[in-house]
Amino acid sequence: MRKKFPNSYIAYLADKNAITLLENNPYLDELIPLDFSWTLKEQLNFIKTLRTKKFDLVIDLFGNPRSAILSFLSGAKTRIGGEFGWRKYLYTHPIPRSEERKNAIKFHLDYLKPIGITFSEPLSYEDMKTEIFLSHNEKSWATEYLKSKGIDLNKKTVGIHPGATWPAKMWFKENFAELANRIALKLNANVIITHSENETELAIEVFNLTSRKNIFVLDALNLRQLASVLSLVDLYISNDCGPMHISVAVGTKTIGIFGPGEEDIWFPYPNSEGHKALRVDVECHPCHLDFCNKEGENYMKCMKLLTVDMVFNEVVKLLKRG
């Protein structure tokens, strides 16, 4: 959008916590945080403020009822959003559903077609690239933070993230622990364990299952702190969740572990840049379930079949690439 309309005023509205990842983005003029815990009165005041900005165009990439209504009430004459149920009537340019299977980035780029922005196939690396812009101070903070944890940054450093939003997306903690041991002992590398506040107990459990040598549990960091730390590691291994995408966006080689999720949609990152999605095919994939509904030997079968050997072999390959 910035390339197409270099003199336009571009604002981005998003959840107050997640939107911090867009700070320092040179293509944006304004960030508009939305607090999902606001009362009805606060939401109405927010809409009034939004209307005073007199936006000409709104592109709703989320498409849920709240975002569709906000788009409609913004006062923008041109409104682009997905053709989802009744919500399509709130947009001037609803984007029809496509039979073509598209990754998440390509799916969202289609929302630019009504304003004359199109892309040649296949999409280039630049078209697909995601990026979080970190300041020099943020990177310096991350360096000092890791040093304060006793981490020798002259050695290879690998991050692991054993948590995820839903249990069905989580590789087993015992596997993460064994993987951490192998990386630390066989590759003589540091291993850092990242986690959110809600995942602190899990991170400690993983740590306690390891040899603990050259393995470190970090604090629960905010999103920009996490991004800053991940920009310094040599490789990051994560379940299918937000930190996995943050790692890619700061330019770190990333292994995404997938079970019920569809890696061709949610991991549109090139192997040529050091990114790799790992998943073992099972008859019930994709299940789109938050909790596995299988029993006995078939419980979490997709995760059981993805072995520590498989992941460790990919770790070795990616670290050798330098």
C-alpha atoms as a PDB file:
ATOM      1  CA  MET A   1       0.000   0.000   0.000  1.00  0.00           C
ATOM      2  CA  ARG A   2       2.814   2.385   0.827  1.00  0.00           C
ATOM      3  CA  LYS A   3       4.461   1.720  -2.531  1.00  0.00           C
ATOM      4  CA  LYS A   4       1.179   2.238  -4.386  1.00  0.00           C
ATOM      5  CA  PHE A   5       0.136   5.325  -2.412  1.00  0.00           C
ATOM      6  CA  PRO A   6       3.374   6.861  -1.080  1.00  0.00           C
ATOM      7  CA  ASN A   7       1.688  10.026   0.239  1.00  0.00           C
ATOM      8  CA  SER A   8      -1.282   8.351   1.918  1.00  0.00           C
ATOM      9  CA  TYR A   9      -1.908   8.237   5.679  1.00  0.00           C
ATOM     10  CA  ILE A  10      -1.907   4.583   6.765  1.00  0.00           C
ATOM     11  CA  ALA A  11      -3.088   3.530  10.213  1.00  0.00           C
ATOM     12  CA  TYR A  12      -3.346   0.035  11.665  1.00  0.00           C
ATOM     13  CA  LEU A  13      -5.985  -0.954  14.221  1.00  0.00           C
ATOM     14  CA  ALA A  14      -5.434  -4.099  16.288  1.00  0.00           C
ATOM     15  CA  ASP A  15      -5.534  -5.622  19.766  1.00  0.00           C
ATOM     16  CA  LYS A  16      -3.663  -3.390  22.224  1.00  0.00           C
ATOM     17  CA  ASN A  17      -1.105  -6.079  23.068  1.00  0.00           C
ATOM     18  CA  ALA A  18      -0.444  -7.563  19.633  1.00  0.00           C
ATOM     19  CA  ILE A  19      -0.184  -4.159  17.945  1.00  0.00           C
ATOM     20  CA  THR A  20       3.089  -3.475  19.744  1.00  0.00           C
ATOM     21  CA  LEU A  21       4.749  -5.727  17.147  1.00  0.00           C
ATOM     22  CA  LEU A  22       4.079  -2.995  14.571  1.00  0.00           C
ATOM     23  CA  GLU A  23       5.950  -0.289  16.479  1.00  0.00           C
ATOM     24  CA  ASN A  24       8.761   1.305  14.426  1.00  0.00           C
ATOM     25  CA  ASN A  25       7.173   0.052  11.196  1.00  0.00           C
ATOM     26  CA  PRO A  26       8.253   2.651   8.600  1.00  0.00           C
ATOM     27  CA  TYR A  27       5.222   2.024   6.393  1.00  0.00           C
ATOM     28  CA  LEU A  28       2.695   3.092   9.038  1.00  0.00           C
ATOM     29  CA  ASP A  29       1.722   6.557  10.218  1.00  0.00           C
ATOM     30  CA  GLU A  30      -0.348   5.528  13.233  1.00  0.00           C
ATOM     31  CA  LEU A  31      -1.138   2.547  15.445  1.00  0.00           C
ATOM     32  CA  ILE A  32      -4.641   2.376  16.926  1.00  0.00           C
ATOM     33  CA  PRO A  33      -4.877  -0.013  19.905  1.00  0.00           C
ATOM     34  CA  LEU A  34      -8.187  -1.721  20.680  1.00  0.00           C
ATOM     35  CA  ASP A  35      -8.936  -3.018  24.175  1.00  0.00           C
ATOM     36  CA  PHE A  36     -11.294  -5.997  24.044  1.00  0.00           C
ATOM     37  CA  SER A  37     -12.206  -5.494  27.713  1.00  0.00           C
ATOM     38  CA  TRP A  38     -13.746  -2.045  27.153  1.00  0.00           C
ATOM     39  CA  THR A  39     -17.281  -1.406  28.379  1.00  0.00           C
ATOM     40  CA  LEU A  40     -20.023  -0.566  25.877  1.00  0.00           C
ATOM     41  CA  LYS A  41     -19.621   3.129  26.704  1.00  0.00           C
ATOM     42  CA  GLU A  42     -15.877   2.966  26.098  1.00  0.00           C
ATOM     43  CA  GLN A  43     -16.432   1.171  22.802  1.00  0.00           C
ATOM     44  CA  LEU A  44     -18.897   3.841  21.673  1.00  0.00           C
ATOM     45  CA  ASN A  45     -16.411   6.577  22.568  1.00  0.00           C
ATOM     46  CA  PHE A  46     -13.758   4.699  20.601  1.00  0.00           C
ATOM     47  CA  ILE A  47     -16.015   4.609  17.539  1.00  0.00           C
ATOM     48  CA  LYS A  48     -16.651   8.352  17.841  1.00  0.00           C
ATOM     49  CA  THR A  49     -12.899   8.984  17.929  1.00  0.00           C
ATOM     50  CA  LEU A  50     -12.398   6.667  14.978  1.00  0.00           C
ATOM     51  CA  ARG A  51     -14.951   8.604  12.922  1.00  0.00           C
ATOM     52  CA  THR A  52     -13.190  11.908  13.603  1.00  0.00           C
ATOM     53  CA  LYS A  53     -10.156  10.558  11.733  1.00  0.00           C
ATOM     54  CA  LYS A  54     -12.235  10.539   8.503  1.00  0.00           C
ATOM     55  CA  PHE A  55     -10.670   7.503   6.901  1.00  0.00           C
ATOM     56  CA  ASP A  56     -11.420   7.058   3.197  1.00  0.00           C
ATOM     57  CA  LEU A  57     -10.710   3.338   3.169  1.00  0.00           C
ATOM     58  CA  VAL A  58     -10.887   0.480   5.661  1.00  0.00           C
ATOM     59  CA  ILE A  59      -9.531  -3.002   4.968  1.00  0.00           C
ATOM     60  CA  ASP A  60     -10.790  -5.579   7.465  1.00  0.00           C
ATOM     61  CA  LEU A  61      -8.318  -8.477   7.505  1.00  0.00           C
ATOM     62  CA  PHE A  62      -9.934 -10.116  10.515  1.00  0.00           C
ATOM     63  CA  GLY A  63     -13.545 -10.430   9.415  1.00  0.00           C
ATOM     64  CA  ASN A  64     -15.195 -11.327  12.706  1.00  0.00           C
ATOM     65  CA  PRO A  65     -18.444  -9.580  13.791  1.00  0.00           C
ATOM     66  CA  ARG A  66     -16.676  -6.942  15.889  1.00  0.00           C
ATOM     67  CA  SER A  67     -14.197  -5.935  13.187  1.00  0.00           C
ATOM     68  CA  ALA A  68     -16.915  -5.903  10.512  1.00  0.00           C
ATOM     69  CA  ILE A  69     -19.109  -3.610  12.593  1.00  0.00           C
ATOM     70  CA  LEU A  70     -16.156  -1.356  13.425  1.00  0.00           C
ATOM     71  CA  SER A  71     -15.342  -1.115   9.724  1.00  0.00           C
ATOM     72  CA  PHE A  72     -18.925  -0.143   8.922  1.00  0.00           C
ATOM     73  CA  LEU A  73     -19.148   2.413  11.736  1.00  0.00           C
ATOM     74  CA  SER A  74     -15.757   3.966  10.908  1.00  0.00           C
ATOM     75  CA  GLY A  75     -17.423   6.239   8.364  1.00  0.00           C
ATOM     76  CA  ALA A  76     -15.090   5.149   5.564  1.00  0.00           C
ATOM     77  CA  LYS A  77     -16.827   5.194   2.188  1.00  0.00           C
ATOM     78  CA  THR A  78     -14.771   2.269   0.884  1.00  0.00           C
ATOM     79  CA  ARG A  79     -14.727  -0.861   3.012  1.00  0.00           C
ATOM     80  CA  ILE A  80     -13.045  -4.121   2.024  1.00  0.00           C
ATOM     81  CA  GLY A  81     -13.591  -7.383   3.871  1.00  0.00           C
ATOM     82  CA  GLY A  82     -14.264 -11.083   3.440  1.00  0.00           C
ATOM     83  CA  GLU A  83     -17.541 -12.395   2.102  1.00  0.00           C
ATOM     84  CA  PHE A  84     -18.460 -14.142   5.347  1.00  0.00           C
ATOM     85  CA  GLY A  85     -22.174 -14.555   6.107  1.00  0.00           C
ATOM     86  CA  TRP A  86     -24.108 -11.404   6.990  1.00  0.00           C
ATOM     87  CA  ARG A  87     -20.877  -9.474   7.457  1.00  0.00           C
ATOM     88  CA  LYS A  88     -20.408  -9.131   3.699  1.00  0.00           C
ATOM     89  CA  TYR A  89     -23.229  -6.554   3.678  1.00  0.00           C
ATOM     90  CA  LEU A  90     -21.142  -4.207   5.836  1.00  0.00           C
ATOM     91  CA  TYR A  91     -18.465  -3.889   3.151  1.00  0.00           C
ATOM     92  CA  THR A  92     -18.586  -2.025  -0.144  1.00  0.00           C
ATOM     93  CA  HIS A  93     -16.154  -4.524  -1.657  1.00  0.00           C
ATOM     94  CA  PRO A  94     -16.638  -8.006  -0.188  1.00  0.00           C
ATOM     95  CA  ILE A  95     -13.871 -10.400  -1.216  1.00  0.00           C
ATOM     96  CA  PRO A  96     -15.491 -13.633  -2.440  1.00  0.00           C
ATOM     97  CA  ARG A  97     -14.420 -17.003  -1.169  1.00  0.00           C
ATOM     98  CA  SER A  98     -11.962 -18.738  -3.452  1.00  0.00           C
ATOM     99  CA  GLU A  99     -11.777 -22.429  -4.266  1.00  0.00           C
ATOM    100  CA  GLU A 100      -8.020 -22.064  -4.684  1.00  0.00           C
ATOM    101  CA  ARG A 101      -6.005 -23.199  -1.686  1.00  0.00           C
ATOM    102  CA  LYS A 102      -3.949 -20.208  -0.524  1.00  0.00           C
ATOM    103  CA  ASN A 103      -1.507 -19.598   2.280  1.00  0.00           C
ATOM    104  CA  ALA A 104      -2.395 -16.925   4.832  1.00  0.00           C
ATOM    105  CA  ILE A 105      -0.252 -14.202   3.237  1.00  0.00           C
ATOM    106  CA  LYS A 106      -1.584 -14.769  -0.258  1.00  0.00           C
ATOM    107  CA  PHE A 107      -5.125 -14.858   1.135  1.00  0.00           C
ATOM    108  CA  HIS A 108      -4.731 -11.419   2.689  1.00  0.00           C
ATOM    109  CA  LEU A 109      -2.977  -9.903  -0.318  1.00  0.00           C
ATOM    110  CA  ASP A 110      -6.203 -10.546  -2.272  1.00  0.00           C
ATOM    111  CA  TYR A 111      -7.808  -7.817  -0.141  1.00  0.00           C
ATOM    112  CA  LEU A 112      -5.716  -5.256  -2.043  1.00  0.00           C
ATOM    113  CA  LYS A 113      -7.183  -6.063  -5.452  1.00  0.00           C
ATOM    114  CA  PRO A 114     -10.125  -3.597  -5.155  1.00  0.00           C
ATOM    115  CA  ILE A 115      -7.636  -0.710  -4.850  1.00  0.00           C
ATOM    116  CA  GLY A 116      -5.589  -1.788  -7.841  1.00  0.00           C
ATOM    117  CA  ILE A 117      -2.758  -3.646  -6.123  1.00  0.00           C
ATOM    118  CA  THR A 118      -2.060  -7.004  -7.727  1.00  0.00           C
ATOM    119  CA  PHE A 119       0.828  -9.462  -7.676  1.00  0.00           C
ATOM    120  CA  SER A 120       2.445 -11.655 -10.279  1.00  0.00           C
ATOM    121  CA  GLU A 121       2.466 -15.417  -9.768  1.00  0.00           C
ATOM    122  CA  PRO A 122       4.359 -16.977  -8.199  1.00  0.00           C
ATOM    123  CA  LEU A 123       4.704 -14.442  -5.396  1.00  0.00           C
ATOM    124  CA  SER A 124       8.252 -13.234  -4.870  1.00  0.00           C
ATOM    125  CA  TYR A 125      10.151 -13.501  -1.601  1.00  0.00           C
ATOM    126  CA  GLU A 126       9.703  -9.746  -1.091  1.00  0.00           C
ATOM    127  CA  ASP A 127       5.937 -10.067  -1.578  1.00  0.00           C
ATOM    128  CA  MET A 128       5.816 -12.814   1.058  1.00  0.00           C
ATOM    129  CA  LYS A 129       8.324 -11.443   3.540  1.00  0.00           C
ATOM    130  CA  THR A 130       7.155 -10.582   7.041  1.00  0.00           C
ATOM    131  CA  GLU A 131       9.165  -8.201   9.200  1.00  0.00           C
ATOM    132  CA  ILE A 132       9.264  -6.762  12.707  1.00  0.00           C
ATOM    133  CA  PHE A 133      11.371  -3.620  12.994  1.00  0.00           C
ATOM    134  CA  LEU A 134      13.536  -3.587  16.117  1.00  0.00           C
ATOM    135  CA  SER A 135      15.484  -0.590  17.356  1.00  0.00           C
ATOM    136  CA  HIS A 136      19.174  -0.616  18.241  1.00  0.00           C
ATOM    137  CA  ASN A 137      18.209  -0.134  21.904  1.00  0.00           C
ATOM    138  CA  GLU A 138      15.921  -3.158  21.836  1.00  0.00           C
ATOM    139  CA  LYS A 139      18.636  -5.382  20.406  1.00  0.00           C
ATOM    140  CA  SER A 140      21.148  -4.044  22.935  1.00  0.00           C
ATOM    141  CA  TRP A 141      18.676  -4.779  25.726  1.00  0.00           C
ATOM    142  CA  ALA A 142      18.281  -8.358  24.478  1.00  0.00           C
ATOM    143  CA  THR A 143      22.049  -8.863  24.391  1.00  0.00           C
ATOM    144  CA  GLU A 144      22.453  -7.654  27.974  1.00  0.00           C
ATOM    145  CA  TYR A 145      19.413  -9.648  29.115  1.00  0.00           C
ATOM    146  CA  LEU A 146      20.776 -12.923  27.772  1.00  0.00           C
ATOM    147  CA  LYS A 147      24.194 -12.206  29.263  1.00  0.00           C
ATOM    148  CA  SER A 148      22.512 -11.574  32.633  1.00  0.00           C
ATOM    149  CA  LYS A 149      21.086 -15.086  32.425  1.00  0.00           C
ATOM    150  CA  GLY A 150      24.588 -16.501  32.084  1.00  0.00           C
ATOM    151  CA  ILE A 151      24.304 -17.229  28.375  1.00  0.00           C
ATOM    152  CA  ASP A 152      27.531 -17.167  26.377  1.00  0.00           C
ATOM    153  CA  LEU A 153      26.568 -15.510  23.091  1.00  0.00           C
ATOM    154  CA  ASN A 154      29.812 -16.633  21.469  1.00  0.00           C
ATOM    155  CA  LYS A 155      28.268 -20.114  21.262  1.00  0.00           C
ATOM    156  CA  LYS A 156      25.394 -21.185  19.030  1.00  0.00           C
ATOM    157  CA  THR A 157      22.097 -20.431  20.736  1.00  0.00           C
ATOM    158  CA  VAL A 158      18.869 -22.264  19.957  1.00  0.00           C
ATOM    159  CA  GLY A 159      15.439 -21.338  21.289  1.00  0.00           C
ATOM    160  CA  ILE A 160      12.541 -23.705  21.942  1.00  0.00           C
ATOM    161  CA  HIS A 161       8.912 -22.866  22.647  1.00  0.00           C
ATOM    162  CA  PRO A 162       6.975 -25.817  24.127  1.00  0.00           C
ATOM    163  CA  GLY A 163       3.701 -23.936  24.596  1.00  0.00           C
ATOM    164  CA  ALA A 164       0.796 -23.205  22.254  1.00  0.00           C
ATOM    165  CA  THR A 165      -2.713 -21.788  22.434  1.00  0.00           C
ATOM    166  CA  TRP A 166      -4.344 -25.224  22.308  1.00  0.00           C
ATOM    167  CA  PRO A 167      -3.182 -28.588  23.706  1.00  0.00           C
ATOM    168  CA  ALA A 168      -3.646 -30.367  20.362  1.00  0.00           C
ATOM    169  CA  LYS A 169      -0.895 -28.162  18.888  1.00  0.00           C
ATOM    170  CA  MET A 170       1.658 -29.027  21.550  1.00  0.00           C
ATOM    171  CA  TRP A 171       4.493 -31.472  20.912  1.00  0.00           C
ATOM    172  CA  PHE A 172       5.155 -33.433  24.093  1.00  0.00           C
ATOM    173  CA  LYS A 173       7.183 -31.754  26.833  1.00  0.00           C
ATOM    174  CA  GLU A 174       9.332 -34.881  27.134  1.00  0.00           C
ATOM    175  CA  ASN A 175      10.256 -34.493  23.464  1.00  0.00           C
ATOM    176  CA  PHE A 176      11.220 -30.856  23.880  1.00  0.00           C
ATOM    177  CA  ALA A 177      13.352 -31.794  26.895  1.00  0.00           C
ATOM    178  CA  GLU A 178      15.158 -34.576  25.008  1.00  0.00           C
ATOM    179  CA  LEU A 179      15.646 -32.267  22.028  1.00  0.00           C
ATOM    180  CA  ALA A 180      17.117 -29.597  24.318  1.00  0.00           C
ATOM    181  CA  ASN A 181      19.506 -32.158  25.806  1.00  0.00           C
ATOM    182  CA  ARG A 182      20.751 -33.270  22.404  1.00  0.00           C
ATOM    183  CA  ILE A 183      21.254 -29.723  21.150  1.00  0.00           C
ATOM    184  CA  ALA A 184      23.098 -28.693  24.300  1.00  0.00           C
ATOM    185  CA  LEU A 185      25.267 -31.782  24.638  1.00  0.00           C
ATOM    186  CA  LYS A 186      25.845 -33.020  21.087  1.00  0.00           C
ATOM    187  CA  LEU A 187      26.087 -29.607  19.429  1.00  0.00           C
ATOM    188  CA  ASN A 188      27.622 -27.748  22.406  1.00  0.00           C
ATOM    189  CA  ALA A 189      25.009 -25.026  22.009  1.00  0.00           C
ATOM    190  CA  ASN A 190      22.955 -22.942  24.407  1.00  0.00           C
ATOM    191  CA  VAL A 191      19.249 -23.738  24.582  1.00  0.00           C
ATOM    192  CA  ILE A 192      16.787 -21.113  25.792  1.00  0.00           C
ATOM    193  CA  ILE A 193      13.188 -21.971  26.692  1.00  0.00           C
ATOM    194  CA  THR A 194      10.643 -19.235  25.961  1.00  0.00           C
ATOM    195  CA  HIS A 195       7.125 -18.989  27.311  1.00  0.00           C
ATOM    196  CA  SER A 196       4.238 -16.661  28.084  1.00  0.00           C
ATOM    197  CA  GLU A 197       3.024 -15.998  31.636  1.00  0.00           C
ATOM    198  CA  ASN A 198       0.428 -18.740  31.240  1.00  0.00           C
ATOM    199  CA  GLU A 199       3.101 -21.180  30.086  1.00  0.00           C
ATOM    200  CA  THR A 200       5.623 -20.609  32.874  1.00  0.00           C
ATOM    201  CA  GLU A 201       4.810 -23.874  34.642  1.00  0.00           C
ATOM    202  CA  LEU A 202       5.188 -25.831  31.403  1.00  0.00           C
ATOM    203  CA  ALA A 203       8.557 -24.208  30.655  1.00  0.00           C
ATOM    204  CA  ILE A 204       9.843 -25.139  34.124  1.00  0.00           C
ATOM    205  CA  GLU A 205       8.560 -28.697  33.692  1.00  0.00           C
ATOM    206  CA  VAL A 206      10.483 -29.011  30.421  1.00  0.00           C
ATOM    207  CA  PHE A 207      13.607 -27.566  32.037  1.00  0.00           C
ATOM    208  CA  ASN A 208      13.357 -29.994  34.971  1.00  0.00           C
ATOM    209  CA  LEU A 209      13.279 -32.916  32.517  1.00  0.00           C
ATOM    210  CA  THR A 210      16.610 -31.852  30.992  1.00  0.00           C
ATOM    211  CA  SER A 211      20.205 -32.231  32.105  1.00  0.00           C
ATOM    212  CA  ARG A 212      20.091 -28.414  32.688  1.00  0.00           C
ATOM    213  CA  LYS A 213      23.598 -28.025  31.273  1.00  0.00           C
ATOM    214  CA  ASN A 214      23.665 -25.049  28.894  1.00  0.00           C
ATOM    215  CA  ILE A 215      19.846 -24.918  29.084  1.00  0.00           C
ATOM    216  CA  PHE A 216      18.087 -21.795  30.354  1.00  0.00           C
ATOM    217  CA  VAL A 217      14.502 -20.792  31.109  1.00  0.00           C
ATOM    218  CA  LEU A 218      13.837 -17.161  30.234  1.00  0.00           C
ATOM    219  CA  ASP A 219      11.326 -14.916  31.952  1.00  0.00           C
ATOM    220  CA  ALA A 220       7.866 -14.358  30.485  1.00  0.00           C
ATOM    221  CA  LEU A 221       8.716 -11.536  28.091  1.00  0.00           C
ATOM    222  CA  ASN A 222       6.414  -9.081  26.373  1.00  0.00           C
ATOM    223  CA  LEU A 223       6.111  -9.408  22.605  1.00  0.00           C
ATOM    224  CA  ARG A 224       8.770  -6.874  21.659  1.00  0.00           C
ATOM    225  CA  GLN A 225      11.197  -8.230  24.239  1.00  0.00           C
ATOM    226  CA  LEU A 226      10.615 -11.720  22.860  1.00  0.00           C
ATOM    227  CA  ALA A 227      11.157 -10.465  19.303  1.00  0.00           C
ATOM    228  CA  SER A 228      14.397  -8.783  20.371  1.00  0.00           C
ATOM    229  CA  VAL A 229      15.709 -11.946  22.020  1.00  0.00           C
ATOM    230  CA  LEU A 230      14.704 -14.138  19.077  1.00  0.00           C
ATOM    231  CA  SER A 231      16.590 -11.840  16.699  1.00  0.00           C
ATOM    232  CA  LEU A 232      19.804 -12.946  18.447  1.00  0.00           C
ATOM    233  CA  VAL A 233      19.357 -16.727  18.383  1.00  0.00           C
ATOM    234  CA  ASP A 234      20.653 -18.960  15.598  1.00  0.00           C
ATOM    235  CA  LEU A 235      17.551 -21.161  15.366  1.00  0.00           C
ATOM    236  CA  TYR A 236      14.103 -21.302  16.952  1.00  0.00           C
ATOM    237  CA  ILE A 237      11.909 -24.390  17.315  1.00  0.00           C
ATOM    238  CA  SER A 238       8.284 -23.712  18.117  1.00  0.00           C
ATOM    239  CA  ASN A 239       4.877 -25.276  18.086  1.00  0.00           C
ATOM    240  CA  ASP A 240       2.350 -23.748  15.691  1.00  0.00           C
ATOM    241  CA  CYS A 241       1.706 -20.491  17.554  1.00  0.00           C
ATOM    242  CA  GLY A 242       2.498 -16.758  17.633  1.00  0.00           C
ATOM    243  CA  PRO A 243       6.183 -16.912  18.683  1.00  0.00           C
ATOM    244  CA  MET A 244       6.895 -19.099  15.638  1.00  0.00           C
ATOM    245  CA  HIS A 245       5.765 -16.258  13.355  1.00  0.00           C
ATOM    246  CA  ILE A 246       7.632 -13.645  15.408  1.00  0.00           C
ATOM    247  CA  SER A 247      10.842 -15.618  14.968  1.00  0.00           C
ATOM    248  CA  VAL A 248      10.493 -15.636  11.182  1.00  0.00           C
ATOM    249  CA  ALA A 249       9.663 -11.920  11.149  1.00  0.00           C
ATOM    250  CA  VAL A 250      12.921 -11.000  12.918  1.00  0.00           C
ATOM    251  CA  GLY A 251      14.956 -13.026  10.417  1.00  0.00           C
ATOM    252  CA  THR A 252      15.747 -16.073  12.556  1.00  0.00           C
ATOM    253  CA  LYS A 253      15.785 -19.574  11.099  1.00  0.00           C
ATOM    254  CA  THR A 254      12.655 -21.282  12.333  1.00  0.00           C
ATOM    255  CA  ILE A 255      11.340 -24.823  12.646  1.00  0.00           C
ATOM    256  CA  GLY A 256       7.563 -24.990  13.025  1.00  0.00           C
ATOM    257  CA  ILE A 257       6.107 -28.123  14.616  1.00  0.00           C
ATOM    258  CA  PHE A 258       2.673 -28.960  13.249  1.00  0.00           C
ATOM    259  CA  GLY A 259       0.059 -31.485  14.290  1.00  0.00           C
ATOM    260  CA  PRO A 260      -3.578 -30.574  13.562  1.00  0.00           C
ATOM    261  CA  GLY A 261      -2.639 -27.374  11.717  1.00  0.00           C
ATOM    262  CA  GLU A 262      -2.052 -26.964   7.984  1.00  0.00           C
ATOM    263  CA  GLU A 263       1.524 -25.929   7.406  1.00  0.00           C
ATOM    264  CA  ASP A 264       0.962 -25.025   3.755  1.00  0.00           C
ATOM    265  CA  ILE A 265      -1.425 -22.308   4.948  1.00  0.00           C
ATOM    266  CA  TRP A 266       0.098 -21.223   8.248  1.00  0.00           C
ATOM    267  CA  PHE A 267       3.809 -21.630   7.493  1.00  0.00           C
ATOM    268  CA  PRO A 268       4.295 -19.802   4.177  1.00  0.00           C
ATOM    269  CA  TYR A 269       7.996 -19.350   4.806  1.00  0.00           C
ATOM    270  CA  PRO A 270      10.705 -20.476   2.359  1.00  0.00           C
ATOM    271  CA  ASN A 271      13.162 -23.225   3.128  1.00  0.00           C
ATOM    272  CA  SER A 272      15.723 -21.190   1.188  1.00  0.00           C
ATOM    273  CA  GLU A 273      15.733 -18.728   4.108  1.00  0.00           C
ATOM    274  CA  GLY A 274      16.271 -21.473   6.693  1.00  0.00           C
ATOM    275  CA  HIS A 275      12.649 -22.147   7.640  1.00  0.00           C
ATOM    276  CA  LYS A 276      11.150 -25.617   7.904  1.00  0.00           C
ATOM    277  CA  ALA A 277       7.700 -26.923   8.828  1.00  0.00           C
ATOM    278  CA  LEU A 278       7.632 -30.441  10.269  1.00  0.00           C
ATOM    279  CA  ARG A 279       4.535 -32.621  10.263  1.00  0.00           C
ATOM    280  CA  VAL A 280       3.835 -36.339   9.933  1.00  0.00           C
ATOM    281  CA  ASP A 281       0.792 -37.193   7.842  1.00  0.00           C
ATOM    282  CA  VAL A 282      -2.028 -39.043   9.590  1.00  0.00           C
ATOM    283  CA  GLU A 283      -5.465 -40.066   8.375  1.00  0.00           C
ATOM    284  CA  CYS A 284      -7.284 -37.548  10.600  1.00  0.00           C
ATOM    285  CA  HIS A 285      -5.354 -34.489   9.383  1.00  0.00           C
ATOM    286  CA  PRO A 286      -6.415 -31.727   9.296  1.00  0.00           C
ATOM    287  CA  CYS A 287      -8.762 -32.063  12.254  1.00  0.00           C
ATOM    288  CA  HIS A 288      -8.939 -28.354  13.237  1.00  0.00           C
ATOM    289  CA  LEU A 289      -9.465 -29.478  16.830  1.00  0.00           C
ATOM    290  CA  ASP A 290      -8.206 -27.668  19.918  1.00  0.00           C
ATOM    291  CA  PHE A 291      -8.191 -30.936  21.887  1.00  0.00           C
ATOM    292  CA  CYS A 292      -7.431 -34.324  20.358  1.00  0.00           C
ATOM    293  CA  ASN A 293     -10.579 -36.515  20.355  1.00  0.00           C
ATOM    294  CA  LYS A 294      -8.804 -39.810  19.703  1.00  0.00           C
ATOM    295  CA  GLU A 295      -8.254 -42.467  22.345  1.00  0.00           C
ATOM    296  CA  GLY A 296      -5.622 -45.058  23.136  1.00  0.00           C
ATOM    297  CA  GLU A 297      -2.755 -45.406  20.690  1.00  0.00           C
ATOM    298  CA  ASN A 298      -4.344 -42.898  18.324  1.00  0.00           C
ATOM    299  CA  TYR A 299      -4.410 -40.102  20.923  1.00  0.00           C
ATOM    300  CA  MET A 300      -2.198 -37.254  19.618  1.00  0.00           C
ATOM    301  CA  LYS A 301      -0.951 -39.650  16.932  1.00  0.00           C
ATOM    302  CA  CYS A 302       0.298 -36.797  14.728  1.00  0.00           C
ATOM    303  CA  MET A 303       2.580 -35.625  17.523  1.00  0.00           C
ATOM    304  CA  LYS A 304       3.652 -39.128  18.568  1.00  0.00           C
ATOM    305  CA  LEU A 305       4.885 -39.919  15.064  1.00  0.00           C
ATOM    306  CA  LEU A 306       7.019 -36.772  14.918  1.00  0.00           C
ATOM    307  CA  THR A 307      10.099 -38.056  16.716  1.00  0.00           C
ATOM    308  CA  VAL A 308      12.951 -36.257  18.441  1.00  0.00           C
ATOM    309  CA  ASP A 309      15.291 -37.772  15.844  1.00  0.00           C
ATOM    310  CA  MET A 310      13.333 -36.130  13.028  1.00  0.00           C
ATOM    311  CA  VAL A 311      13.466 -32.694  14.608  1.00  0.00           C
ATOM    312  CA  PHE A 312      17.086 -32.975  15.737  1.00  0.00           C
ATOM    313  CA  ASN A 313      18.197 -33.960  12.225  1.00  0.00           C
ATOM    314  CA  GLU A 314      16.597 -30.776  10.864  1.00  0.00           C
ATOM    315  CA  VAL A 315      18.277 -28.741  13.604  1.00  0.00           C
ATOM    316  CA  VAL A 316      21.671 -30.087  12.556  1.00  0.00           C
ATOM    317  CA  LYS A 317      21.001 -29.343   8.867  1.00  0.00           C
ATOM    318  CA  LEU A 318      19.871 -25.773   9.490  1.00  0.00           C
ATOM    319  CA  LEU A 319      22.701 -24.919  11.882  1.00  0.00           C
ATOM    320  CA  LYS A 320      25.258 -26.266   9.411  1.00  0.00           C
ATOM    321  CA  ARG A 321      23.956 -23.816   6.808  1.00  0.00           C
ATOM    322  CA  GLY A 322      25.387 -20.990   8.887  1.00  0.00           C
END
